[in-house]
PDB file of N, CA and C in Angstrom:
ATOM      1  N   MET A   1       0.836  -1.176   0.000  1.00  0.00           N
ATOM      2  CA  MET A   1       0.000   0.000   0.000  1.00  0.00           C
ATOM      3  C   MET A   1       0.874   1.229   0.000  1.00  0.00           C
ATOM      4  N   LYS A   2       0.500   2.194  -0.821  1.00  0.00           N
ATOM      5  CA  LYS A   2       1.231   3.453  -0.904  1.00  0.00           C
ATOM      6  C   LYS A   2       0.509   4.502  -0.071  1.00  0.00           C
ATOM      7  N   LEU A   3       1.223   5.109   0.836  1.00  0.00           N
ATOM      8  CA  LEU A   3       0.664   6.134   1.713  1.00  0.00           C
ATOM      9  C   LEU A   3       1.391   7.438   1.442  1.00  0.00           C
ATOM     10  N   PHE A   4       0.634   8.513   1.240  1.00  0.00           N
ATOM     11  CA  PHE A   4       1.289   9.797   1.021  1.00  0.00           C
ATOM     12  C   PHE A   4       0.428  10.914   1.599  1.00  0.00           C
ATOM     13  N   PHE A   5       1.081  12.024   1.897  1.00  0.00           N
ATOM     14  CA  PHE A   5       0.407  13.224   2.361  1.00  0.00           C
ATOM     15  C   PHE A   5       0.458  14.255   1.242  1.00  0.00           C
ATOM     16  N   SER A   6      -0.649  14.895   1.000  1.00  0.00           N
ATOM     17  CA  SER A   6      -0.642  15.983   0.030  1.00  0.00           C
ATOM     18  C   SER A   6       0.226  17.122   0.578  1.00  0.00           C
ATOM     19  N   GLU A   7       0.616  18.018  -0.283  1.00  0.00           N
ATOM     20  CA  GLU A   7       1.418  19.156   0.158  1.00  0.00           C
ATOM     21  C   GLU A   7       0.660  19.979   1.199  1.00  0.00           C
ATOM     22  N   LEU A   8      -0.643  20.144   0.995  1.00  0.00           N
ATOM     23  CA  LEU A   8      -1.469  20.878   1.948  1.00  0.00           C
ATOM     24  C   LEU A   8      -1.458  20.186   3.315  1.00  0.00           C
ATOM     25  N   ALA A   9      -1.589  18.864   3.330  1.00  0.00           N
ATOM     26  CA  ALA A   9      -1.574  18.113   4.588  1.00  0.00           C
ATOM     27  C   ALA A   9      -0.210  18.208   5.261  1.00  0.00           C
ATOM     28  N   GLN A  10       0.858  18.131   4.494  1.00  0.00           N
ATOM     29  CA  GLN A  10       2.208  18.256   5.050  1.00  0.00           C
ATOM     30  C   GLN A  10       2.392  19.620   5.701  1.00  0.00           C
ATOM     31  N   ASN A  11       1.932  20.657   5.021  1.00  0.00           N
ATOM     32  CA  ASN A  11       2.051  22.015   5.564  1.00  0.00           C
ATOM     33  C   ASN A  11       1.218  22.175   6.831  1.00  0.00           C
ATOM     34  N   GLU A  12       0.016  21.623   6.821  1.00  0.00           N
ATOM     35  CA  GLU A  12      -0.852  21.716   7.995  1.00  0.00           C
ATOM     36  C   GLU A  12      -0.237  20.984   9.183  1.00  0.00           C
ATOM     37  N   LEU A  13       0.340  19.821   8.933  1.00  0.00           N
ATOM     38  CA  LEU A  13       0.989  19.072  10.006  1.00  0.00           C
ATOM     39  C   LEU A  13       2.170  19.861  10.562  1.00  0.00           C
ATOM     40  N   GLN A  14       2.983  20.422   9.691  1.00  0.00           N
ATOM     41  CA  GLN A  14       4.138  21.196  10.151  1.00  0.00           C
ATOM     42  C   GLN A  14       3.690  22.411  10.963  1.00  0.00           C
ATOM     43  N   ASP A  15       2.639  23.078  10.510  1.00  0.00           N
ATOM     44  CA  ASP A  15       2.099  24.221  11.256  1.00  0.00           C
ATOM     45  C   ASP A  15       1.601  23.787  12.633  1.00  0.00           C
ATOM     46  N   ALA A  16       0.942  22.644  12.699  1.00  0.00           N
ATOM     47  CA  ALA A  16       0.425  22.147  13.974  1.00  0.00           C
ATOM     48  C   ALA A  16       1.568  21.787  14.918  1.00  0.00           C
ATOM     49  N   VAL A  17       2.602  21.132  14.404  1.00  0.00           N
ATOM     50  CA  VAL A  17       3.753  20.770  15.231  1.00  0.00           C
ATOM     51  C   VAL A  17       4.430  22.038  15.751  1.00  0.00           C
ATOM     52  N   THR A  18       4.599  23.016  14.896  1.00  0.00           N
ATOM     53  CA  THR A  18       5.206  24.285  15.308  1.00  0.00           C
ATOM     54  C   THR A  18       4.379  24.949  16.403  1.00  0.00           C
ATOM     55  N   TYR A  19       3.061  24.973  16.208  1.00  0.00           N
ATOM     56  CA  TYR A  19       2.166  25.561  17.209  1.00  0.00           C
ATOM     57  C   TYR A  19       2.284  24.831  18.544  1.00  0.00           C
ATOM     58  N   TYR A  20       2.209  23.505  18.519  1.00  0.00           N
ATOM     59  CA  TYR A  20       2.294  22.729  19.753  1.00  0.00           C
ATOM     60  C   TYR A  20       3.668  22.862  20.405  1.00  0.00           C
ATOM     61  N   ASP A  21       4.724  22.938  19.601  1.00  0.00           N
ATOM     62  CA  ASP A  21       6.071  23.119  20.145  1.00  0.00           C
ATOM     63  C   ASP A  21       6.196  24.442  20.900  1.00  0.00           C
ATOM     64  N   GLU A  22       5.458  25.460  20.457  1.00  0.00           N
ATOM     65  CA  GLU A  22       5.480  26.744  21.156  1.00  0.00           C
ATOM     66  C   GLU A  22       4.859  26.625  22.543  1.00  0.00           C
ATOM     67  N   ILE A  23       3.915  25.705  22.691  1.00  0.00           N
ATOM     68  CA  ILE A  23       3.288  25.459  23.989  1.00  0.00           C
ATOM     69  C   ILE A  23       4.194  24.551  24.819  1.00  0.00           C
ATOM     70  N   SER A  24       4.617  23.461  24.209  1.00  0.00           N
ATOM     71  CA  SER A  24       5.496  22.487  24.865  1.00  0.00           C
ATOM     72  C   SER A  24       6.070  21.572  23.785  1.00  0.00           C
ATOM     73  N   SER A  25       7.378  21.383  23.831  1.00  0.00           N
ATOM     74  CA  SER A  25       7.988  20.481  22.849  1.00  0.00           C
ATOM     75  C   SER A  25       7.436  19.060  23.005  1.00  0.00           C
ATOM     76  N   LEU A  26       6.973  18.742  24.203  1.00  0.00           N
ATOM     77  CA  LEU A  26       6.371  17.430  24.416  1.00  0.00           C
ATOM     78  C   LEU A  26       5.095  17.261  23.599  1.00  0.00           C
ATOM     79  N   LEU A  27       4.332  18.339  23.437  1.00  0.00           N
ATOM     80  CA  LEU A  27       3.107  18.251  22.638  1.00  0.00           C
ATOM     81  C   LEU A  27       3.431  18.048  21.163  1.00  0.00           C
ATOM     82  N   GLY A  28       4.412  18.782  20.658  1.00  0.00           N
ATOM     83  CA  GLY A  28       4.820  18.595  19.264  1.00  0.00           C
ATOM     84  C   GLY A  28       5.286  17.170  19.017  1.00  0.00           C
ATOM     85  N   ASP A  29       6.077  16.635  19.944  1.00  0.00           N
ATOM     86  CA  ASP A  29       6.552  15.252  19.835  1.00  0.00           C
ATOM     87  C   ASP A  29       5.389  14.261  19.894  1.00  0.00           C
ATOM     88  N   ALA A  30       4.413  14.543  20.774  1.00  0.00           N
ATOM     89  CA  ALA A  30       3.249  13.660  20.901  1.00  0.00           C
ATOM     90  C   ALA A  30       2.445  13.636  19.609  1.00  0.00           C
ATOM     91  N   LEU A  31       2.317  14.780  18.951  1.00  0.00           N
ATOM     92  CA  LEU A  31       1.589  14.830  17.679  1.00  0.00           C
ATOM     93  C   LEU A  31       2.311  14.014  16.614  1.00  0.00           C
ATOM     94  N   ILE A  32       3.604  14.192  16.510  1.00  0.00           N
ATOM     95  CA  ILE A  32       4.379  13.420  15.534  1.00  0.00           C
ATOM     96  C   ILE A  32       4.249  11.922  15.817  1.00  0.00           C
ATOM     97  N   LYS A  33       4.331  11.539  17.089  1.00  0.00           N
ATOM     98  CA  LYS A  33       4.188  10.131  17.471  1.00  0.00           C
ATOM     99  C   LYS A  33       2.822   9.588  17.059  1.00  0.00           C
ATOM    100  N   GLU A  34       1.766  10.366  17.285  1.00  0.00           N
ATOM    101  CA  GLU A  34       0.412   9.935  16.931  1.00  0.00           C
ATOM    102  C   GLU A  34       0.267   9.777  15.416  1.00  0.00           C
ATOM    103  N   VAL A  35       0.843  10.681  14.651  1.00  0.00           N
ATOM    104  CA  VAL A  35       0.770  10.591  13.183  1.00  0.00           C
ATOM    105  C   VAL A  35       1.527   9.366  12.691  1.00  0.00           C
ATOM    106  N   LYS A  36       2.694   9.104  13.259  1.00  0.00           N
ATOM    107  CA  LYS A  36       3.456   7.912  12.859  1.00  0.00           C
ATOM    108  C   LYS A  36       2.687   6.623  13.186  1.00  0.00           C
ATOM    109  N   GLN A  37       2.018   6.596  14.335  1.00  0.00           N
ATOM    110  CA  GLN A  37       1.200   5.432  14.699  1.00  0.00           C
ATOM    111  C   GLN A  37       0.054   5.268  13.699  1.00  0.00           C
ATOM    112  N   ALA A  38      -0.566   6.377  13.328  1.00  0.00           N
ATOM    113  CA  ALA A  38      -1.649   6.338  12.345  1.00  0.00           C
ATOM    114  C   ALA A  38      -1.149   5.792  11.012  1.00  0.00           C
ATOM    115  N   GLU A  39       0.031   6.240  10.579  1.00  0.00           N
ATOM    116  CA  GLU A  39       0.605   5.752   9.327  1.00  0.00           C
ATOM    117  C   GLU A  39       0.772   4.234   9.356  1.00  0.00           C
ATOM    118  N   LYS A  40       1.263   3.705  10.481  1.00  0.00           N
ATOM    119  CA  LYS A  40       1.452   2.258  10.603  1.00  0.00           C
ATOM    120  C   LYS A  40       0.115   1.526  10.512  1.00  0.00           C
ATOM    121  N   LEU A  41      -0.873   2.007  11.252  1.00  0.00           N
ATOM    122  CA  LEU A  41      -2.189   1.351  11.240  1.00  0.00           C
ATOM    123  C   LEU A  41      -2.834   1.405   9.856  1.00  0.00           C
ATOM    124  N   ILE A  42      -2.741   2.538   9.201  1.00  0.00           N
ATOM    125  CA  ILE A  42      -3.333   2.694   7.873  1.00  0.00           C
ATOM    126  C   ILE A  42      -2.657   1.749   6.880  1.00  0.00           C
ATOM    127  N   THR A  43      -1.348   1.617   6.989  1.00  0.00           N
ATOM    128  CA  THR A  43      -0.612   0.735   6.081  1.00  0.00           C
ATOM    129  C   THR A  43      -0.986  -0.731   6.297  1.00  0.00           C
ATOM    130  N   VAL A  44      -1.151  -1.122   7.551  1.00  0.00           N
ATOM    131  CA  VAL A  44      -1.475  -2.520   7.864  1.00  0.00           C
ATOM    132  C   VAL A  44      -2.942  -2.842   7.584  1.00  0.00           C
ATOM    133  N   PHE A  45      -3.826  -1.906   7.888  1.00  0.00           N
ATOM    134  CA  PHE A  45      -5.271  -2.120   7.732  1.00  0.00           C
ATOM    135  C   PHE A  45      -5.884  -1.041   6.825  1.00  0.00           C
ATOM    136  N   PRO A  46      -5.528  -1.010   5.563  1.00  0.00           N
ATOM    137  CA  PRO A  46      -5.923   0.103   4.686  1.00  0.00           C
ATOM    138  C   PRO A  46      -7.427   0.252   4.472  1.00  0.00           C
ATOM    139  N   PHE A  47      -8.198  -0.806   4.649  1.00  0.00           N
ATOM    140  CA  PHE A  47      -9.634  -0.703   4.386  1.00  0.00           C
ATOM    141  C   PHE A  47     -10.459  -0.568   5.665  1.00  0.00           C
ATOM    142  N   ALA A  48      -9.786  -0.363   6.788  1.00  0.00           N
ATOM    143  CA  ALA A  48     -10.479  -0.255   8.069  1.00  0.00           C
ATOM    144  C   ALA A  48     -11.072   1.132   8.302  1.00  0.00           C
ATOM    145  N   TRP A  49     -10.714   2.078   7.491  1.00  0.00           N
ATOM    146  CA  TRP A  49     -11.104   3.469   7.726  1.00  0.00           C
ATOM    147  C   TRP A  49     -12.194   3.902   6.754  1.00  0.00           C
ATOM    148  N   THR A  50     -12.926   4.902   7.117  1.00  0.00           N
ATOM    149  CA  THR A  50     -14.055   5.390   6.325  1.00  0.00           C
ATOM    150  C   THR A  50     -13.582   5.894   4.959  1.00  0.00           C
ATOM    151  N   SER A  51     -14.254   5.448   3.903  1.00  0.00           N
ATOM    152  CA  SER A  51     -13.951   5.917   2.555  1.00  0.00           C
ATOM    153  C   SER A  51     -14.467   7.342   2.381  1.00  0.00           C
ATOM    154  N   VAL A  52     -13.607   8.193   1.813  1.00  0.00           N
ATOM    155  CA  VAL A  52     -14.003   9.582   1.567  1.00  0.00           C
ATOM    156  C   VAL A  52     -13.809   9.970   0.104  1.00  0.00           C
ATOM    157  N   GLY A  53     -13.701   8.988  -0.733  1.00  0.00           N
ATOM    158  CA  GLY A  53     -13.523   9.261  -2.155  1.00  0.00           C
ATOM    159  C   GLY A  53     -12.760   8.133  -2.817  1.00  0.00           C
ATOM    160  N   ASN A  54     -12.452   8.329  -4.056  1.00  0.00           N
ATOM    161  CA  ASN A  54     -11.751   7.347  -4.857  1.00  0.00           C
ATOM    162  C   ASN A  54     -10.363   7.074  -4.275  1.00  0.00           C
ATOM    163  N   HIS A  55     -10.169   5.898  -3.704  1.00  0.00           N
ATOM    164  CA  HIS A  55      -8.888   5.478  -3.123  1.00  0.00           C
ATOM    165  C   HIS A  55      -8.436   6.368  -1.965  1.00  0.00           C
ATOM    166  N   GLN A  56      -9.378   6.937  -1.235  1.00  0.00           N
ATOM    167  CA  GLN A  56      -9.040   7.778  -0.094  1.00  0.00           C
ATOM    168  C   GLN A  56      -9.815   7.311   1.130  1.00  0.00           C
ATOM    169  N   ARG A  57      -9.149   7.337   2.256  1.00  0.00           N
ATOM    170  CA  ARG A  57      -9.753   6.941   3.525  1.00  0.00           C
ATOM    171  C   ARG A  57      -9.495   8.031   4.554  1.00  0.00           C
ATOM    172  N   LYS A  58     -10.362   8.094   5.553  1.00  0.00           N
ATOM    173  CA  LYS A  58     -10.225   9.102   6.605  1.00  0.00           C
ATOM    174  C   LYS A  58      -9.878   8.418   7.917  1.00  0.00           C
ATOM    175  N   TYR A  59      -8.820   8.891   8.536  1.00  0.00           N
ATOM    176  CA  TYR A  59      -8.394   8.406   9.847  1.00  0.00           C
ATOM    177  C   TYR A  59      -8.375   9.617  10.778  1.00  0.00           C
ATOM    178  N   ILE A  60      -9.070   9.539  11.883  1.00  0.00           N
ATOM    179  CA  ILE A  60      -9.126  10.651  12.824  1.00  0.00           C
ATOM    180  C   ILE A  60      -8.135  10.377  13.951  1.00  0.00           C
ATOM    181  N   LEU A  61      -7.214  11.311  14.134  1.00  0.00           N
ATOM    182  CA  LEU A  61      -6.223  11.168  15.194  1.00  0.00           C
ATOM    183  C   LEU A  61      -6.885  11.310  16.555  1.00  0.00           C
ATOM    184  N   LYS A  62      -6.337  10.605  17.538  1.00  0.00           N
ATOM    185  CA  LYS A  62      -6.849  10.762  18.892  1.00  0.00           C
ATOM    186  C   LYS A  62      -6.312  12.076  19.467  1.00  0.00           C
ATOM    187  N   LYS A  63      -6.947  12.546  20.512  1.00  0.00           N
ATOM    188  CA  LYS A  63      -6.453  13.741  21.194  1.00  0.00           C
ATOM    189  C   LYS A  63      -5.087  13.428  21.771  1.00  0.00           C
ATOM    190  N   ILE A  64      -4.201  14.413  21.692  1.00  0.00           N
ATOM    191  CA  ILE A  64      -2.867  14.204  22.231  1.00  0.00           C
ATOM    192  C   ILE A  64      -2.735  14.893  23.579  1.00  0.00           C
ATOM    193  N   SER A  65      -1.849  14.352  24.376  1.00  0.00           N
ATOM    194  CA  SER A  65      -1.606  14.900  25.702  1.00  0.00           C
ATOM    195  C   SER A  65      -0.156  14.659  26.062  1.00  0.00           C
ATOM    196  N   ILE A  66       0.433  15.577  26.781  1.00  0.00           N
ATOM    197  CA  ILE A  66       1.807  15.367  27.241  1.00  0.00           C
ATOM    198  C   ILE A  66       1.834  14.363  28.378  1.00  0.00           C
ATOM    199  N   TYR A  67       0.673  14.012  28.900  1.00  0.00           N
ATOM    200  CA  TYR A  67       0.603  13.095  30.024  1.00  0.00           C
ATOM    201  C   TYR A  67       0.420  11.643  29.612  1.00  0.00           C
ATOM    202  N   ASP A  68       0.277  11.362  28.322  1.00  0.00           N
ATOM    203  CA  ASP A  68       0.050   9.988  27.850  1.00  0.00           C
ATOM    204  C   ASP A  68       1.182   9.044  28.237  1.00  0.00           C
ATOM    205  N   ASP A  69       2.406   9.531  28.222  1.00  0.00           N
ATOM    206  CA  ASP A  69       3.564   8.659  28.475  1.00  0.00           C
ATOM    207  C   ASP A  69       4.055   8.725  29.912  1.00  0.00           C
ATOM    208  N   LEU A  70       3.356   9.441  30.758  1.00  0.00           N
ATOM    209  CA  LEU A  70       3.800   9.550  32.165  1.00  0.00           C
ATOM    210  C   LEU A  70       3.286   8.419  32.988  1.00  0.00           C
TER     211      LEU A  70
END
């Protein structure tokens, strides 16, 4: 399975990481960790997510917290 982010999605993710890093670097790291976990799940179970168009699926990230790993 081929997984890719559109340029718009890449920019939005980078903006979100930058925003969270301004609050706490732990939040930015938590967001990146959650996205990487999502990538793994999507790759392993590509048809488990809601279809939103031709060869596109929607995966909703869970809320992130700096306290998840404590």
